[in-house]
Amino acid sequence: MAVKTKTIQVKSGPDMDVIDITGQVTGAVKDSGLKEGTVTIFVPGSTASVTTTEFEPNLNTDLKRAVERLVPSDMHYEHKKTGGDDNGKSHVRASLFGPGITVPFSKGNLLLGTWQQIVVLDFDVPARTRGIVLQIMGE
């Protein structure tokens, strides 16, 4: 079995951004030359996550509102005492979603549902550039 690792870059906006990376992941799988296997998509860091959703503006708004209800911005977070930064909510949100997912592929194509895209959820307060690790395994 072959294993190929690649890092892609994404730029996020501040305070919870939803970024569609399906095209970049698809391209990396095709470029790998592997036909059957899995790709693990992982975001290093503790204030972002990777998941799947239907990437469309109204659903992105719904997702942001749901996350705000689950982990409110205006709540007190003890994390601020540690380093003075005000991103305790970002850490909690990322912990709930997790840092990565694994997606199977066959004949070089991701086996996603019709309306399913791979997204990075960046919960951190400032806008930033993130590296997303793709580990493609298969034959």
C-alpha atoms as a PDB file:
ATOM      1  CA  MET A   1       0.000   0.000   0.000  1.00  0.00           C
ATOM      2  CA  ALA A   2       1.263   3.456  -0.907  1.00  0.00           C
ATOM      3  CA  VAL A   3       1.041   6.449   1.420  1.00  0.00           C
ATOM      4  CA  LYS A   4       1.347  10.004   0.111  1.00  0.00           C
ATOM      5  CA  THR A   5       1.201  13.099   2.297  1.00  0.00           C
ATOM      6  CA  LYS A   6       0.428  16.604   1.085  1.00  0.00           C
ATOM      7  CA  THR A   7      -0.368  19.911   2.774  1.00  0.00           C
ATOM      8  CA  ILE A   8      -2.832  22.391   1.323  1.00  0.00           C
ATOM      9  CA  GLN A   9      -3.302  25.984   2.450  1.00  0.00           C
ATOM     10  CA  VAL A  10      -6.571  27.752   3.234  1.00  0.00           C
ATOM     11  CA  LYS A  11      -7.265  31.328   4.241  1.00  0.00           C
ATOM     12  CA  SER A  12     -10.024  31.882   6.752  1.00  0.00           C
ATOM     13  CA  GLY A  13     -12.000  34.845   7.912  1.00  0.00           C
ATOM     14  CA  PRO A  14     -12.341  35.784  11.580  1.00  0.00           C
ATOM     15  CA  ASP A  15     -14.536  34.202  14.223  1.00  0.00           C
ATOM     16  CA  MET A  16     -15.851  31.026  12.578  1.00  0.00           C
ATOM     17  CA  ASP A  17     -15.405  30.597   8.882  1.00  0.00           C
ATOM     18  CA  VAL A  18     -16.572  27.666   6.762  1.00  0.00           C
ATOM     19  CA  ILE A  19     -14.169  26.863   3.902  1.00  0.00           C
ATOM     20  CA  ASP A  20     -14.938  24.327   1.171  1.00  0.00           C
ATOM     21  CA  ILE A  21     -11.822  22.270   0.398  1.00  0.00           C
ATOM     22  CA  THR A  22     -13.487  19.514  -1.639  1.00  0.00           C
ATOM     23  CA  GLY A  23     -11.831  20.617  -4.884  1.00  0.00           C
ATOM     24  CA  GLN A  24      -8.371  20.705  -3.330  1.00  0.00           C
ATOM     25  CA  VAL A  25      -8.811  17.256  -1.771  1.00  0.00           C
ATOM     26  CA  THR A  26     -10.174  15.849  -5.052  1.00  0.00           C
ATOM     27  CA  GLY A  27      -7.183  17.277  -6.917  1.00  0.00           C
ATOM     28  CA  ALA A  28      -4.701  15.828  -4.434  1.00  0.00           C
ATOM     29  CA  VAL A  29      -6.259  12.355  -4.699  1.00  0.00           C
ATOM     30  CA  LYS A  30      -6.150  12.511  -8.506  1.00  0.00           C
ATOM     31  CA  ASP A  31      -2.546  13.798  -8.461  1.00  0.00           C
ATOM     32  CA  SER A  32      -1.533  10.925  -6.165  1.00  0.00           C
ATOM     33  CA  GLY A  33      -2.110   8.409  -8.944  1.00  0.00           C
ATOM     34  CA  LEU A  34      -3.818   6.076  -6.474  1.00  0.00           C
ATOM     35  CA  LYS A  35      -7.135   4.594  -7.584  1.00  0.00           C
ATOM     36  CA  GLU A  36      -8.563   2.857  -4.486  1.00  0.00           C
ATOM     37  CA  GLY A  37      -8.101   3.879  -0.872  1.00  0.00           C
ATOM     38  CA  THR A  38      -8.779   6.569   1.682  1.00  0.00           C
ATOM     39  CA  VAL A  39      -7.733  10.138   2.283  1.00  0.00           C
ATOM     40  CA  THR A  40      -7.440  11.469   5.803  1.00  0.00           C
ATOM     41  CA  ILE A  41      -7.944  15.216   6.096  1.00  0.00           C
ATOM     42  CA  PHE A  42      -6.469  16.667   9.301  1.00  0.00           C
ATOM     43  CA  VAL A  43      -6.084  20.218  10.590  1.00  0.00           C
ATOM     44  CA  PRO A  44      -3.156  20.713  12.988  1.00  0.00           C
ATOM     45  CA  GLY A  45      -4.051  23.030  15.822  1.00  0.00           C
ATOM     46  CA  SER A  46      -6.737  23.217  18.475  1.00  0.00           C
ATOM     47  CA  THR A  47      -9.095  25.896  17.156  1.00  0.00           C
ATOM     48  CA  ALA A  48     -10.262  24.410  13.830  1.00  0.00           C
ATOM     49  CA  SER A  49     -11.987  21.266  12.610  1.00  0.00           C
ATOM     50  CA  VAL A  50     -12.684  19.278   9.459  1.00  0.00           C
ATOM     51  CA  THR A  51     -16.104  17.820   8.673  1.00  0.00           C
ATOM     52  CA  THR A  52     -18.589  17.401   5.840  1.00  0.00           C
ATOM     53  CA  THR A  53     -21.715  19.383   5.072  1.00  0.00           C
ATOM     54  CA  GLU A  54     -23.653  20.742   2.144  1.00  0.00           C
ATOM     55  CA  PHE A  55     -21.642  23.868   1.420  1.00  0.00           C
ATOM     56  CA  GLU A  56     -24.267  26.502   0.667  1.00  0.00           C
ATOM     57  CA  PRO A  57     -24.615  30.004   2.128  1.00  0.00           C
ATOM     58  CA  ASN A  58     -27.888  29.519   4.012  1.00  0.00           C
ATOM     59  CA  LEU A  59     -26.758  26.244   5.574  1.00  0.00           C
ATOM     60  CA  ASN A  60     -23.433  27.869   6.509  1.00  0.00           C
ATOM     61  CA  THR A  61     -25.449  30.530   8.352  1.00  0.00           C
ATOM     62  CA  ASP A  62     -27.535  27.827  10.048  1.00  0.00           C
ATOM     63  CA  LEU A  63     -24.372  25.994  11.117  1.00  0.00           C
ATOM     64  CA  LYS A  64     -22.823  29.163  12.546  1.00  0.00           C
ATOM     65  CA  ARG A  65     -26.015  29.931  14.487  1.00  0.00           C
ATOM     66  CA  ALA A  66     -26.195  26.385  15.856  1.00  0.00           C
ATOM     67  CA  VAL A  67     -22.564  26.508  16.990  1.00  0.00           C
ATOM     68  CA  GLU A  68     -23.200  29.872  18.651  1.00  0.00           C
ATOM     69  CA  ARG A  69     -26.136  28.352  20.587  1.00  0.00           C
ATOM     70  CA  LEU A  70     -24.041  25.345  21.667  1.00  0.00           C
ATOM     71  CA  VAL A  71     -20.906  27.296  22.617  1.00  0.00           C
ATOM     72  CA  PRO A  72     -21.850  30.964  23.051  1.00  0.00           C
ATOM     73  CA  SER A  73     -19.364  33.746  22.365  1.00  0.00           C
ATOM     74  CA  ASP A  74     -20.560  35.832  25.299  1.00  0.00           C
ATOM     75  CA  MET A  75     -19.920  33.148  27.911  1.00  0.00           C
ATOM     76  CA  HIS A  76     -16.961  33.386  30.311  1.00  0.00           C
ATOM     77  CA  TYR A  77     -14.124  30.983  29.408  1.00  0.00           C
ATOM     78  CA  GLU A  78     -11.428  30.210  31.975  1.00  0.00           C
ATOM     79  CA  HIS A  79      -8.905  29.800  29.136  1.00  0.00           C
ATOM     80  CA  LYS A  80      -8.470  33.584  29.075  1.00  0.00           C
ATOM     81  CA  LYS A  81      -6.661  33.320  32.423  1.00  0.00           C
ATOM     82  CA  THR A  82      -4.016  31.050  30.876  1.00  0.00           C
ATOM     83  CA  GLY A  83      -2.588  33.181  28.102  1.00  0.00           C
ATOM     84  CA  GLY A  84      -4.766  36.249  27.976  1.00  0.00           C
ATOM     85  CA  ASP A  85      -6.207  35.320  24.601  1.00  0.00           C
ATOM     86  CA  ASP A  86      -9.958  35.372  24.207  1.00  0.00           C
ATOM     87  CA  ASN A  87     -10.457  32.198  22.167  1.00  0.00           C
ATOM     88  CA  GLY A  88     -11.661  29.717  24.767  1.00  0.00           C
ATOM     89  CA  LYS A  89     -14.846  29.279  22.731  1.00  0.00           C
ATOM     90  CA  SER A  90     -12.704  28.421  19.683  1.00  0.00           C
ATOM     91  CA  HIS A  91     -10.977  25.576  21.522  1.00  0.00           C
ATOM     92  CA  VAL A  92     -14.251  24.189  22.893  1.00  0.00           C
ATOM     93  CA  ARG A  93     -15.927  24.328  19.472  1.00  0.00           C
ATOM     94  CA  ALA A  94     -13.027  22.575  17.765  1.00  0.00           C
ATOM     95  CA  SER A  95     -12.998  19.873  20.438  1.00  0.00           C
ATOM     96  CA  LEU A  96     -16.650  19.093  19.746  1.00  0.00           C
ATOM     97  CA  PHE A  97     -16.156  18.692  15.979  1.00  0.00           C
ATOM     98  CA  GLY A  98     -12.713  17.055  16.000  1.00  0.00           C
ATOM     99  CA  PRO A  99      -9.607  17.717  13.917  1.00  0.00           C
ATOM    100  CA  GLY A 100     -10.160  15.420  10.945  1.00  0.00           C
ATOM    101  CA  ILE A 101     -12.089  12.939   8.862  1.00  0.00           C
ATOM    102  CA  THR A 102     -11.340  10.046   6.529  1.00  0.00           C
ATOM    103  CA  VAL A 103     -13.017   9.777   3.122  1.00  0.00           C
ATOM    104  CA  PRO A 104     -12.848   6.683   0.883  1.00  0.00           C
ATOM    105  CA  PHE A 105     -12.158   6.946  -2.834  1.00  0.00           C
ATOM    106  CA  SER A 106     -12.613   4.526  -5.722  1.00  0.00           C
ATOM    107  CA  LYS A 107     -11.365   4.807  -9.302  1.00  0.00           C
ATOM    108  CA  GLY A 108      -9.667   8.014  -8.139  1.00  0.00           C
ATOM    109  CA  ASN A 109     -12.977   9.656  -7.131  1.00  0.00           C
ATOM    110  CA  LEU A 110     -14.036  10.660  -3.631  1.00  0.00           C
ATOM    111  CA  LEU A 111     -17.072   8.674  -2.480  1.00  0.00           C
ATOM    112  CA  LEU A 112     -19.017  11.672  -1.185  1.00  0.00           C
ATOM    113  CA  GLY A 113     -22.781  12.069  -1.304  1.00  0.00           C
ATOM    114  CA  THR A 114     -24.401  14.274  -3.923  1.00  0.00           C
ATOM    115  CA  TRP A 115     -24.672  17.301  -1.636  1.00  0.00           C
ATOM    116  CA  GLN A 116     -21.683  16.503   0.601  1.00  0.00           C
ATOM    117  CA  GLN A 117     -18.569  18.668   0.633  1.00  0.00           C
ATOM    118  CA  ILE A 118     -15.460  18.600   2.814  1.00  0.00           C
ATOM    119  CA  VAL A 119     -15.082  21.765   4.877  1.00  0.00           C
ATOM    120  CA  VAL A 120     -12.677  23.331   7.320  1.00  0.00           C
ATOM    121  CA  LEU A 121     -14.381  25.069  10.227  1.00  0.00           C
ATOM    122  CA  ASP A 122     -12.006  27.709  11.561  1.00  0.00           C
ATOM    123  CA  PHE A 123     -13.317  28.811  14.940  1.00  0.00           C
ATOM    124  CA  ASP A 124     -10.416  31.057  15.916  1.00  0.00           C
ATOM    125  CA  VAL A 125     -10.908  34.760  16.501  1.00  0.00           C
ATOM    126  CA  PRO A 126      -8.403  36.235  14.003  1.00  0.00           C
ATOM    127  CA  ALA A 127      -8.349  35.568  10.277  1.00  0.00           C
ATOM    128  CA  ARG A 128      -5.434  33.324   9.352  1.00  0.00           C
ATOM    129  CA  THR A 129      -3.843  30.921   6.922  1.00  0.00           C
ATOM    130  CA  ARG A 130      -3.931  27.248   7.885  1.00  0.00           C
ATOM    131  CA  GLY A 131      -2.148  24.212   6.566  1.00  0.00           C
ATOM    132  CA  ILE A 132      -4.387  21.175   6.145  1.00  0.00           C
ATOM    133  CA  VAL A 133      -2.653  17.777   6.028  1.00  0.00           C
ATOM    134  CA  LEU A 134      -3.903  15.211   3.526  1.00  0.00           C
ATOM    135  CA  GLN A 135      -2.668  11.663   3.903  1.00  0.00           C
ATOM    136  CA  ILE A 136      -3.673   9.551   0.920  1.00  0.00           C
ATOM    137  CA  MET A 137      -3.403   5.795   1.319  1.00  0.00           C
ATOM    138  CA  GLY A 138      -4.209   3.097  -1.190  1.00  0.00           C
ATOM    139  CA  GLU A 139      -3.159   1.455  -4.397  1.00  0.00           C
END
